[in-house]
Amino acid sequence: LSCAASGSVGSLNAMAWYRQAPGKQRELVGLIISGGS
């Protein structure tokens, strides 16, 4: 999967993937920190 970002991110320092299955709550799958792992 790809996520293309545009615009000014300001102080936001990370990006994340979430997923939501039918009838379920949205859950955090993973994240990546700017300059990190």
All heavy atoms as atom14 arrays in JSON, in Angstrom:
{
  "sequence": "LSCAASGSVGSLNAMAWYRQAPGKQRELVGLIISGGS",
  "atom14_mask": [
    [1, 1, 1, 1, 1, 1, 1, 1, 0, 0, 0, 0, 0, 0],
    [1, 1, 1, 1, 1, 1, 0, 0, 0, 0, 0, 0, 0, 0],
    [1, 1, 1, 1, 1, 1, 0, 0, 0, 0, 0, 0, 0, 0],
    [1, 1, 1, 1, 1, 0, 0, 0, 0, 0, 0, 0, 0, 0],
    [1, 1, 1, 1, 1, 0, 0, 0, 0, 0, 0, 0, 0, 0],
    [1, 1, 1, 1, 1, 1, 0, 0, 0, 0, 0, 0, 0, 0],
    [1, 1, 1, 1, 0, 0, 0, 0, 0, 0, 0, 0, 0, 0],
    [1, 1, 1, 1, 1, 1, 0, 0, 0, 0, 0, 0, 0, 0],
    [1, 1, 1, 1, 1, 1, 1, 0, 0, 0, 0, 0, 0, 0],
    [1, 1, 1, 1, 0, 0, 0, 0, 0, 0, 0, 0, 0, 0],
    [1, 1, 1, 1, 1, 1, 0, 0, 0, 0, 0, 0, 0, 0],
    [1, 1, 1, 1, 1, 1, 1, 1, 0, 0, 0, 0, 0, 0],
    [1, 1, 1, 1, 1, 1, 1, 1, 0, 0, 0, 0, 0, 0],
    [1, 1, 1, 1, 1, 0, 0, 0, 0, 0, 0, 0, 0, 0],
    [1, 1, 1, 1, 1, 1, 1, 1, 0, 0, 0, 0, 0, 0],
    [1, 1, 1, 1, 1, 0, 0, 0, 0, 0, 0, 0, 0, 0],
    [1, 1, 1, 1, 1, 1, 1, 1, 1, 1, 1, 1, 1, 1],
    [1, 1, 1, 1, 1, 1, 1, 1, 1, 1, 1, 1, 0, 0],
    [1, 1, 1, 1, 1, 1, 1, 1, 1, 1, 1, 0, 0, 0],
    [1, 1, 1, 1, 1, 1, 1, 1, 1, 0, 0, 0, 0, 0],
    [1, 1, 1, 1, 1, 0, 0, 0, 0, 0, 0, 0, 0, 0],
    [1, 1, 1, 1, 1, 1, 1, 0, 0, 0, 0, 0, 0, 0],
    [1, 1, 1, 1, 0, 0, 0, 0, 0, 0, 0, 0, 0, 0],
    [1, 1, 1, 1, 1, 1, 1, 1, 1, 0, 0, 0, 0, 0],
    [1, 1, 1, 1, 1, 1, 1, 1, 1, 0, 0, 0, 0, 0],
    [1, 1, 1, 1, 1, 1, 1, 1, 1, 1, 1, 0, 0, 0],
    [1, 1, 1, 1, 1, 1, 1, 1, 1, 0, 0, 0, 0, 0],
    [1, 1, 1, 1, 1, 1, 1, 1, 0, 0, 0, 0, 0, 0],
    [1, 1, 1, 1, 1, 1, 1, 0, 0, 0, 0, 0, 0, 0],
    [1, 1, 1, 1, 0, 0, 0, 0, 0, 0, 0, 0, 0, 0],
    [1, 1, 1, 1, 1, 1, 1, 1, 0, 0, 0, 0, 0, 0],
    [1, 1, 1, 1, 1, 1, 1, 1, 0, 0, 0, 0, 0, 0],
    [1, 1, 1, 1, 1, 1, 1, 1, 0, 0, 0, 0, 0, 0],
    [1, 1, 1, 1, 1, 1, 0, 0, 0, 0, 0, 0, 0, 0],
    [1, 1, 1, 1, 0, 0, 0, 0, 0, 0, 0, 0, 0, 0],
    [1, 1, 1, 1, 0, 0, 0, 0, 0, 0, 0, 0, 0, 0],
    [1, 1, 1, 1, 1, 1, 0, 0, 0, 0, 0, 0, 0, 0]
  ],
  "atom14_positions": [
    [[0.83, -1.19, 0.0], [0.0, 0.0, 0.0], [0.87, 1.25, 0.0], [1.97, 1.25, 0.55], [-0.91, 0.03, 1.23], [-1.76, -1.21, 1.49], [-2.67, -0.97, 2.7], [-2.58, -1.59, 0.26], [0.0, 0.0, 0.0], [0.0, 0.0, 0.0], [0.0, 0.0, 0.0], [0.0, 0.0, 0.0], [0.0, 0.0, 0.0], [0.0, 0.0, 0.0]],
    [[0.35, 2.32, -0.59], [1.05, 3.6, -0.63], [0.17, 4.69, -0.05], [-1.06, 4.64, -0.18], [1.44, 3.97, -2.06], [2.31, 3.02, -2.63], [0.0, 0.0, 0.0], [0.0, 0.0, 0.0], [0.0, 0.0, 0.0], [0.0, 0.0, 0.0], [0.0, 0.0, 0.0], [0.0, 0.0, 0.0], [0.0, 0.0, 0.0], [0.0, 0.0, 0.0]],
    [[0.79, 5.67, 0.59], [0.1, 6.85, 1.1], [0.9, 8.06, 0.7], [2.0, 8.28, 1.22], [-0.06, 6.77, 2.62], [-0.71, 8.29, 3.35], [0.0, 0.0, 0.0], [0.0, 0.0, 0.0], [0.0, 0.0, 0.0], [0.0, 0.0, 0.0], [0.0, 0.0, 0.0], [0.0, 0.0, 0.0], [0.0, 0.0, 0.0], [0.0, 0.0, 0.0]],
    [[0.36, 8.85, -0.21], [1.02, 10.06, -0.66], [0.51, 11.26, 0.14], [-0.69, 11.47, 0.25], [0.76, 10.28, -2.15], [0.0, 0.0, 0.0], [0.0, 0.0, 0.0], [0.0, 0.0, 0.0], [0.0, 0.0, 0.0], [0.0, 0.0, 0.0], [0.0, 0.0, 0.0], [0.0, 0.0, 0.0], [0.0, 0.0, 0.0], [0.0, 0.0, 0.0]],
    [[1.44, 12.03, 0.69], [1.1, 13.18, 1.53], [1.47, 14.47, 0.83], [2.49, 14.56, 0.15], [1.82, 13.09, 2.87], [0.0, 0.0, 0.0], [0.0, 0.0, 0.0], [0.0, 0.0, 0.0], [0.0, 0.0, 0.0], [0.0, 0.0, 0.0], [0.0, 0.0, 0.0], [0.0, 0.0, 0.0], [0.0, 0.0, 0.0], [0.0, 0.0, 0.0]],
    [[0.65, 15.49, 1.04], [0.94, 16.82, 0.52], [0.45, 17.86, 1.52], [-0.41, 17.58, 2.35], [0.3, 17.03, -0.85], [-1.11, 16.93, -0.78], [0.0, 0.0, 0.0], [0.0, 0.0, 0.0], [0.0, 0.0, 0.0], [0.0, 0.0, 0.0], [0.0, 0.0, 0.0], [0.0, 0.0, 0.0], [0.0, 0.0, 0.0], [0.0, 0.0, 0.0]],
    [[1.0, 19.07, 1.44], [0.62, 20.14, 2.33], [1.61, 20.3, 3.47], [2.59, 19.57, 3.58], [0.0, 0.0, 0.0], [0.0, 0.0, 0.0], [0.0, 0.0, 0.0], [0.0, 0.0, 0.0], [0.0, 0.0, 0.0], [0.0, 0.0, 0.0], [0.0, 0.0, 0.0], [0.0, 0.0, 0.0], [0.0, 0.0, 0.0], [0.0, 0.0, 0.0]],
    [[1.34, 21.25, 4.35], [2.21, 21.57, 5.48], [1.85, 20.71, 6.68], [0.71, 20.75, 7.16], [2.08, 23.05, 5.84], [2.9, 23.38, 6.94], [0.0, 0.0, 0.0], [0.0, 0.0, 0.0], [0.0, 0.0, 0.0], [0.0, 0.0, 0.0], [0.0, 0.0, 0.0], [0.0, 0.0, 0.0], [0.0, 0.0, 0.0], [0.0, 0.0, 0.0]],
    [[2.83, 19.95, 7.18], [2.57, 19.04, 8.3], [2.74, 19.7, 9.66], [2.37, 19.11, 10.68], [3.47, 17.79, 8.21], [3.22, 17.05, 6.91], [4.94, 18.18, 8.34], [0.0, 0.0, 0.0], [0.0, 0.0, 0.0], [0.0, 0.0, 0.0], [0.0, 0.0, 0.0], [0.0, 0.0, 0.0], [0.0, 0.0, 0.0], [0.0, 0.0, 0.0]],
    [[3.32, 20.89, 9.71], [3.52, 21.59, 10.97], [4.37, 20.79, 11.93], [5.46, 20.33, 11.57], [0.0, 0.0, 0.0], [0.0, 0.0, 0.0], [0.0, 0.0, 0.0], [0.0, 0.0, 0.0], [0.0, 0.0, 0.0], [0.0, 0.0, 0.0], [0.0, 0.0, 0.0], [0.0, 0.0, 0.0], [0.0, 0.0, 0.0], [0.0, 0.0, 0.0]],
    [[3.88, 20.61, 13.16], [4.62, 19.89, 14.19], [4.38, 18.39, 14.18], [4.93, 17.67, 15.01], [4.27, 20.45, 15.57], [2.9, 20.28, 15.85], [0.0, 0.0, 0.0], [0.0, 0.0, 0.0], [0.0, 0.0, 0.0], [0.0, 0.0, 0.0], [0.0, 0.0, 0.0], [0.0, 0.0, 0.0], [0.0, 0.0, 0.0], [0.0, 0.0, 0.0]],
    [[3.57, 17.89, 13.27], [3.29, 16.46, 13.2], [4.55, 15.71, 12.8], [5.19, 16.04, 11.8], [2.16, 16.18, 12.2], [0.87, 16.96, 12.46], [-0.15, 16.69, 11.36], [0.3, 16.61, 13.82], [0.0, 0.0, 0.0], [0.0, 0.0, 0.0], [0.0, 0.0, 0.0], [0.0, 0.0, 0.0], [0.0, 0.0, 0.0], [0.0, 0.0, 0.0]],
    [[4.91, 14.68, 13.57], [6.2, 14.04, 13.4], [6.13, 12.56, 13.02], [7.15, 11.89, 12.98], [7.03, 14.18, 14.68], [6.49, 13.34, 15.83], [5.33, 12.93, 15.83], [7.34, 13.11, 16.83], [0.0, 0.0, 0.0], [0.0, 0.0, 0.0], [0.0, 0.0, 0.0], [0.0, 0.0, 0.0], [0.0, 0.0, 0.0], [0.0, 0.0, 0.0]],
    [[4.94, 12.05, 12.72], [4.81, 10.64, 12.42], [3.65, 10.4, 11.47], [2.72, 11.19, 11.38], [4.61, 9.83, 13.69], [0.0, 0.0, 0.0], [0.0, 0.0, 0.0], [0.0, 0.0, 0.0], [0.0, 0.0, 0.0], [0.0, 0.0, 0.0], [0.0, 0.0, 0.0], [0.0, 0.0, 0.0], [0.0, 0.0, 0.0], [0.0, 0.0, 0.0]],
    [[3.72, 9.27, 10.77], [2.62, 8.81, 9.94], [2.26, 7.4, 10.37], [3.1, 6.67, 10.88], [3.0, 8.84, 8.45], [3.33, 10.23, 7.94], [3.8, 10.25, 6.19], [2.2, 9.9, 5.42], [0.0, 0.0, 0.0], [0.0, 0.0, 0.0], [0.0, 0.0, 0.0], [0.0, 0.0, 0.0], [0.0, 0.0, 0.0], [0.0, 0.0, 0.0]],
    [[1.0, 7.03, 10.17], [0.53, 5.75, 10.65], [-0.45, 5.11, 9.69], [-1.13, 5.8, 8.91], [-0.13, 5.9, 12.02], [0.0, 0.0, 0.0], [0.0, 0.0, 0.0], [0.0, 0.0, 0.0], [0.0, 0.0, 0.0], [0.0, 0.0, 0.0], [0.0, 0.0, 0.0], [0.0, 0.0, 0.0], [0.0, 0.0, 0.0], [0.0, 0.0, 0.0]],
    [[-0.51, 3.78, 9.75], [-1.54, 3.01, 9.06], [-2.55, 2.48, 10.07], [-2.17, 1.92, 11.1], [-0.92, 1.82, 8.3], [-0.16, 2.2, 7.08], [1.18, 2.31, 6.94], [-0.73, 2.52, 5.8], [1.52, 2.67, 5.65], [0.36, 2.81, 4.94], [-2.03, 2.58, 5.3], [0.17, 3.15, 3.59], [-2.21, 2.93, 3.98], [-1.13, 3.21, 3.14]],
    [[-3.81, 2.67, 9.77], [-4.91, 2.09, 10.53], [-5.69, 1.16, 9.6], [-5.58, 1.23, 8.38], [-5.87, 3.17, 11.03], [-5.39, 3.95, 12.24], [-4.41, 4.93, 12.12], [-5.95, 3.73, 13.49], [-3.99, 5.66, 13.22], [-5.55, 4.47, 14.6], [-4.57, 5.42, 14.45], [-4.17, 6.15, 15.55], [0.0, 0.0, 0.0], [0.0, 0.0, 0.0]],
    [[-6.52, 0.3, 10.2], [-7.42, -0.52, 9.41], [-8.73, -0.7, 10.16], [-8.78, -0.64, 11.38], [-6.82, -1.87, 9.06], [-6.57, -2.79, 10.25], [-5.83, -4.05, 9.8], [-5.59, -4.97, 10.89], [-4.87, -6.08, 10.79], [-4.32, -6.41, 9.62], [-4.71, -6.86, 11.85], [0.0, 0.0, 0.0], [0.0, 0.0, 0.0], [0.0, 0.0, 0.0]],
    [[-9.8, -0.92, 9.4], [-11.11, -1.13, 9.98], [-11.83, -2.24, 9.22], [-12.11, -2.11, 8.03], [-11.94, 0.15, 9.95], [-13.26, 0.04, 10.7], [-13.9, 1.39, 10.93], [-13.65, 2.34, 10.19], [-14.72, 1.48, 11.96], [0.0, 0.0, 0.0], [0.0, 0.0, 0.0], [0.0, 0.0, 0.0], [0.0, 0.0, 0.0], [0.0, 0.0, 0.0]],
    [[-12.1, -3.33, 9.92], [-12.83, -4.46, 9.36], [-14.32, -4.24, 9.58], [-14.73, -3.49, 10.47], [-12.38, -5.76, 10.02], [0.0, 0.0, 0.0], [0.0, 0.0, 0.0], [0.0, 0.0, 0.0], [0.0, 0.0, 0.0], [0.0, 0.0, 0.0], [0.0, 0.0, 0.0], [0.0, 0.0, 0.0], [0.0, 0.0, 0.0], [0.0, 0.0, 0.0]],
    [[-15.17, -4.91, 8.78], [-16.62, -4.74, 8.94], [-17.08, -5.06, 10.36], [-16.73, -6.1, 10.92], [-17.2, -5.75, 7.95], [-16.14, -5.87, 6.9], [-14.84, -5.78, 7.65], [0.0, 0.0, 0.0], [0.0, 0.0, 0.0], [0.0, 0.0, 0.0], [0.0, 0.0, 0.0], [0.0, 0.0, 0.0], [0.0, 0.0, 0.0], [0.0, 0.0, 0.0]],
    [[-17.84, -4.15, 10.97], [-18.35, -4.34, 12.31], [-17.34, -4.18, 13.42], [-17.67, -4.43, 14.58], [0.0, 0.0, 0.0], [0.0, 0.0, 0.0], [0.0, 0.0, 0.0], [0.0, 0.0, 0.0], [0.0, 0.0, 0.0], [0.0, 0.0, 0.0], [0.0, 0.0, 0.0], [0.0, 0.0, 0.0], [0.0, 0.0, 0.0], [0.0, 0.0, 0.0]],
    [[-16.13, -3.75, 13.1], [-15.07, -3.61, 14.09], [-14.64, -2.15, 14.23], [-14.9, -1.32, 13.36], [-13.86, -4.45, 13.71], [-14.13, -5.95, 13.63], [-14.42, -6.54, 14.99], [-14.54, -8.06, 14.91], [-13.24, -8.69, 14.57], [0.0, 0.0, 0.0], [0.0, 0.0, 0.0], [0.0, 0.0, 0.0], [0.0, 0.0, 0.0], [0.0, 0.0, 0.0]],
    [[-13.98, -1.86, 15.36], [-13.4, -0.54, 15.58], [-12.16, -0.36, 14.72], [-11.47, -1.33, 14.39], [-13.02, -0.37, 17.05], [-14.19, -0.34, 18.02], [-14.71, 1.05, 18.24], [-15.26, 1.67, 17.33], [-14.54, 1.55, 19.45], [0.0, 0.0, 0.0], [0.0, 0.0, 0.0], [0.0, 0.0, 0.0], [0.0, 0.0, 0.0], [0.0, 0.0, 0.0]],
    [[-11.87, 0.87, 14.36], [-10.64, 1.15, 13.65], [-9.46, 0.93, 14.59], [-9.47, 1.38, 15.74], [-10.66, 2.58, 13.12], [-9.49, 2.91, 12.21], [-9.66, 4.29, 11.57], [-10.85, 4.36, 10.74], [-11.16, 5.4, 9.98], [-10.36, 6.46, 9.94], [-12.28, 5.39, 9.26], [0.0, 0.0, 0.0], [0.0, 0.0, 0.0], [0.0, 0.0, 0.0]],
    [[-8.44, 0.22, 14.11], [-7.29, -0.09, 14.94], [-6.0, 0.39, 14.29], [-5.87, 0.42, 13.07], [-7.19, -1.59, 15.22], [-6.88, -2.44, 14.0], [-6.54, -3.88, 14.34], [-6.21, -4.16, 15.5], [-6.59, -4.72, 13.42], [0.0, 0.0, 0.0], [0.0, 0.0, 0.0], [0.0, 0.0, 0.0], [0.0, 0.0, 0.0], [0.0, 0.0, 0.0]],
    [[-5.04, 0.72, 15.14], [-3.72, 1.13, 14.67], [-2.94, -0.1, 14.25], [-2.78, -1.04, 15.03], [-2.99, 1.88, 15.77], [-1.55, 2.33, 15.48], [-1.53, 3.35, 14.34], [-0.92, 2.92, 16.73], [0.0, 0.0, 0.0], [0.0, 0.0, 0.0], [0.0, 0.0, 0.0], [0.0, 0.0, 0.0], [0.0, 0.0, 0.0], [0.0, 0.0, 0.0]],
    [[-2.42, -0.1, 13.03], [-1.61, -1.19, 12.52], [-0.14, -0.95, 12.81], [0.58, -1.84, 13.28], [-1.82, -1.38, 11.01], [-0.89, -2.45, 10.45], [-3.27, -1.72, 10.71], [0.0, 0.0, 0.0], [0.0, 0.0, 0.0], [0.0, 0.0, 0.0], [0.0, 0.0, 0.0], [0.0, 0.0, 0.0], [0.0, 0.0, 0.0], [0.0, 0.0, 0.0]],
    [[0.33, 0.25, 12.52], [1.71, 0.59, 12.75], [1.97, 2.04, 12.41], [1.11, 2.72, 11.86], [0.0, 0.0, 0.0], [0.0, 0.0, 0.0], [0.0, 0.0, 0.0], [0.0, 0.0, 0.0], [0.0, 0.0, 0.0], [0.0, 0.0, 0.0], [0.0, 0.0, 0.0], [0.0, 0.0, 0.0], [0.0, 0.0, 0.0], [0.0, 0.0, 0.0]],
    [[3.16, 2.5, 12.73], [3.51, 3.89, 12.48], [4.99, 4.01, 12.21], [5.79, 3.12, 12.52], [3.12, 4.76, 13.69], [3.82, 4.45, 15.02], [5.02, 5.38, 15.24], [2.85, 4.57, 16.18], [0.0, 0.0, 0.0], [0.0, 0.0, 0.0], [0.0, 0.0, 0.0], [0.0, 0.0, 0.0], [0.0, 0.0, 0.0], [0.0, 0.0, 0.0]],
    [[5.36, 5.13, 11.63], [6.76, 5.43, 11.4], [7.01, 6.87, 11.82], [6.25, 7.78, 11.49], [7.18, 5.17, 9.94], [8.69, 5.32, 9.78], [6.42, 6.07, 8.97], [9.22, 4.69, 8.49], [0.0, 0.0, 0.0], [0.0, 0.0, 0.0], [0.0, 0.0, 0.0], [0.0, 0.0, 0.0], [0.0, 0.0, 0.0], [0.0, 0.0, 0.0]],
    [[8.08, 7.07, 12.6], [8.44, 8.38, 13.11], [9.39, 9.06, 12.14], [10.25, 8.4, 11.55], [9.1, 8.26, 14.49], [8.18, 7.53, 15.47], [9.47, 9.63, 15.04], [8.86, 7.18, 16.78], [0.0, 0.0, 0.0], [0.0, 0.0, 0.0], [0.0, 0.0, 0.0], [0.0, 0.0, 0.0], [0.0, 0.0, 0.0], [0.0, 0.0, 0.0]],
    [[9.22, 10.36, 11.96], [10.12, 11.11, 11.11], [11.54, 10.94, 11.6], [11.86, 11.24, 12.75], [9.75, 12.59, 11.1], [8.46, 12.78, 10.56], [0.0, 0.0, 0.0], [0.0, 0.0, 0.0], [0.0, 0.0, 0.0], [0.0, 0.0, 0.0], [0.0, 0.0, 0.0], [0.0, 0.0, 0.0], [0.0, 0.0, 0.0], [0.0, 0.0, 0.0]],
    [[12.42, 10.44, 10.73], [13.8, 10.2, 11.1], [14.01, 8.97, 11.95], [15.12, 8.75, 12.45], [0.0, 0.0, 0.0], [0.0, 0.0, 0.0], [0.0, 0.0, 0.0], [0.0, 0.0, 0.0], [0.0, 0.0, 0.0], [0.0, 0.0, 0.0], [0.0, 0.0, 0.0], [0.0, 0.0, 0.0], [0.0, 0.0, 0.0], [0.0, 0.0, 0.0]],
    [[12.97, 8.14, 12.12], [13.06, 6.96, 12.95], [12.62, 5.69, 12.25], [12.54, 5.63, 11.02], [0.0, 0.0, 0.0], [0.0, 0.0, 0.0], [0.0, 0.0, 0.0], [0.0, 0.0, 0.0], [0.0, 0.0, 0.0], [0.0, 0.0, 0.0], [0.0, 0.0, 0.0], [0.0, 0.0, 0.0], [0.0, 0.0, 0.0], [0.0, 0.0, 0.0]],
    [[12.3, 4.68, 13.04], [11.93, 3.37, 12.53], [10.44, 3.1, 12.74], [9.73, 3.86, 13.37], [12.76, 2.29, 13.21], [12.57, 2.31, 14.61], [0.0, 0.0, 0.0], [0.0, 0.0, 0.0], [0.0, 0.0, 0.0], [0.0, 0.0, 0.0], [0.0, 0.0, 0.0], [0.0, 0.0, 0.0], [0.0, 0.0, 0.0], [0.0, 0.0, 0.0]]
  ]
}
